[in-house]
Amino acid sequence: MSMETLEFVIHPDGRVQEKVTGIIGNSCTEVTAKIESQLGQVVSQETTSEYFAQNTLDSTTTTTQSHVTSW
């Protein structure tokens, strides 16, 4: 399990750059929504490979079907 981190860079002109690591899937948007609403208007957003990754514990669905034959 990786460590979840939020990193903020505050630029001299007032822009805030936020970087989220260690959160698999789109739940990072839920984690940061309240913070972003307090910071102001989001002007751009870039997703990482972690955003598109699937959590193997939550996203695995297995379907099995058995065929019974009589001899």
C-alpha atoms as a PDB file:
ATOM      1  CA  MET A   1       0.000   0.000   0.000  1.00  0.00           C
ATOM      2  CA  SER A   2       1.417   3.386  -0.982  1.00  0.00           C
ATOM      3  CA  MET A   3       1.318   6.528   1.107  1.00  0.00           C
ATOM      4  CA  GLU A   4      -1.321   9.078   0.128  1.00  0.00           C
ATOM      5  CA  THR A   5       0.031  12.612  -0.153  1.00  0.00           C
ATOM      6  CA  LEU A   6      -1.268  16.058  -1.076  1.00  0.00           C
ATOM      7  CA  GLU A   7       1.364  18.590  -2.108  1.00  0.00           C
ATOM      8  CA  PHE A   8       0.629  22.297  -2.525  1.00  0.00           C
ATOM      9  CA  VAL A   9       2.854  24.881  -4.205  1.00  0.00           C
ATOM     10  CA  ILE A  10       1.803  28.501  -3.663  1.00  0.00           C
ATOM     11  CA  HIS A  11       3.181  30.761  -6.392  1.00  0.00           C
ATOM     12  CA  PRO A  12       3.992  34.461  -5.824  1.00  0.00           C
ATOM     13  CA  ASP A  13       1.049  35.495  -8.031  1.00  0.00           C
ATOM     14  CA  GLY A  14      -1.400  33.600  -5.780  1.00  0.00           C
ATOM     15  CA  ARG A  15      -1.858  30.491  -7.923  1.00  0.00           C
ATOM     16  CA  VAL A  16      -1.896  27.235  -5.998  1.00  0.00           C
ATOM     17  CA  GLN A  17      -0.661  24.064  -7.626  1.00  0.00           C
ATOM     18  CA  GLU A  18      -1.899  20.847  -6.064  1.00  0.00           C
ATOM     19  CA  LYS A  19      -0.431  17.383  -6.620  1.00  0.00           C
ATOM     20  CA  VAL A  20      -2.092  14.207  -5.325  1.00  0.00           C
ATOM     21  CA  THR A  21      -0.191  10.922  -5.190  1.00  0.00           C
ATOM     22  CA  GLY A  22      -0.917   7.501  -3.783  1.00  0.00           C
ATOM     23  CA  ILE A  23      -4.683   7.553  -4.363  1.00  0.00           C
ATOM     24  CA  ILE A  24      -5.850   5.032  -6.949  1.00  0.00           C
ATOM     25  CA  GLY A  25      -8.793   5.890  -9.202  1.00  0.00           C
ATOM     26  CA  ASN A  26     -10.923   9.008  -9.281  1.00  0.00           C
ATOM     27  CA  SER A  27     -11.461   9.180  -5.503  1.00  0.00           C
ATOM     28  CA  CYS A  28      -8.716  11.826  -5.413  1.00  0.00           C
ATOM     29  CA  THR A  29     -11.316  14.320  -6.655  1.00  0.00           C
ATOM     30  CA  GLU A  30     -13.470  13.551  -3.614  1.00  0.00           C
ATOM     31  CA  VAL A  31     -10.488  13.990  -1.299  1.00  0.00           C
ATOM     32  CA  THR A  32      -9.569  17.392  -2.717  1.00  0.00           C
ATOM     33  CA  ALA A  33     -13.009  18.869  -3.476  1.00  0.00           C
ATOM     34  CA  LYS A  34     -13.465  20.678  -0.157  1.00  0.00           C
ATOM     35  CA  ILE A  35      -9.920  22.079  -0.196  1.00  0.00           C
ATOM     36  CA  GLU A  36     -10.326  23.303  -3.779  1.00  0.00           C
ATOM     37  CA  SER A  37     -13.626  24.997  -2.982  1.00  0.00           C
ATOM     38  CA  GLN A  38     -11.881  26.999  -0.268  1.00  0.00           C
ATOM     39  CA  LEU A  39      -8.900  27.905  -2.466  1.00  0.00           C
ATOM     40  CA  GLY A  40     -10.914  29.363  -5.317  1.00  0.00           C
ATOM     41  CA  GLN A  41     -11.577  28.613  -8.970  1.00  0.00           C
ATOM     42  CA  VAL A  42      -9.848  25.587 -10.524  1.00  0.00           C
ATOM     43  CA  VAL A  43      -8.374  26.756 -13.830  1.00  0.00           C
ATOM     44  CA  SER A  44      -6.796  23.518 -15.014  1.00  0.00           C
ATOM     45  CA  GLN A  45      -6.540  19.900 -14.032  1.00  0.00           C
ATOM     46  CA  GLU A  46      -4.245  17.126 -15.263  1.00  0.00           C
ATOM     47  CA  THR A  47      -4.855  13.489 -14.466  1.00  0.00           C
ATOM     48  CA  THR A  48      -2.082  10.995 -13.773  1.00  0.00           C
ATOM     49  CA  SER A  49      -1.819   7.293 -14.486  1.00  0.00           C
ATOM     50  CA  GLU A  50      -2.995   6.650 -10.901  1.00  0.00           C
ATOM     51  CA  TYR A  51      -6.306   8.323 -11.765  1.00  0.00           C
ATOM     52  CA  PHE A  52      -6.929   5.786 -14.511  1.00  0.00           C
ATOM     53  CA  ALA A  53      -5.688   2.794 -12.502  1.00  0.00           C
ATOM     54  CA  GLN A  54      -8.212   0.471 -10.946  1.00  0.00           C
ATOM     55  CA  ASN A  55      -8.200  -0.558  -7.347  1.00  0.00           C
ATOM     56  CA  THR A  56      -7.845  -4.325  -7.604  1.00  0.00           C
ATOM     57  CA  LEU A  57      -9.705  -4.891  -4.351  1.00  0.00           C
ATOM     58  CA  ASP A  58     -12.810  -2.969  -5.432  1.00  0.00           C
ATOM     59  CA  SER A  59     -12.956  -3.422  -9.170  1.00  0.00           C
ATOM     60  CA  THR A  60     -12.569  -7.143  -9.733  1.00  0.00           C
ATOM     61  CA  THR A  61     -15.706  -8.978 -10.757  1.00  0.00           C
ATOM     62  CA  THR A  62     -15.577 -12.641 -11.605  1.00  0.00           C
ATOM     63  CA  THR A  63     -18.337 -14.421 -13.444  1.00  0.00           C
ATOM     64  CA  THR A  64     -18.261 -18.182 -13.791  1.00  0.00           C
ATOM     65  CA  GLN A  65     -20.491 -20.463 -15.756  1.00  0.00           C
ATOM     66  CA  SER A  66     -20.338 -24.229 -15.652  1.00  0.00           C
ATOM     67  CA  HIS A  67     -21.607 -26.650 -18.236  1.00  0.00           C
ATOM     68  CA  VAL A  68     -22.809 -30.029 -17.059  1.00  0.00           C
ATOM     69  CA  THR A  69     -22.797 -32.793 -19.597  1.00  0.00           C
ATOM     70  CA  SER A  70     -24.300 -36.228 -19.118  1.00  0.00           C
ATOM     71  CA  TRP A  71     -22.631 -39.317 -20.498  1.00  0.00           C
END
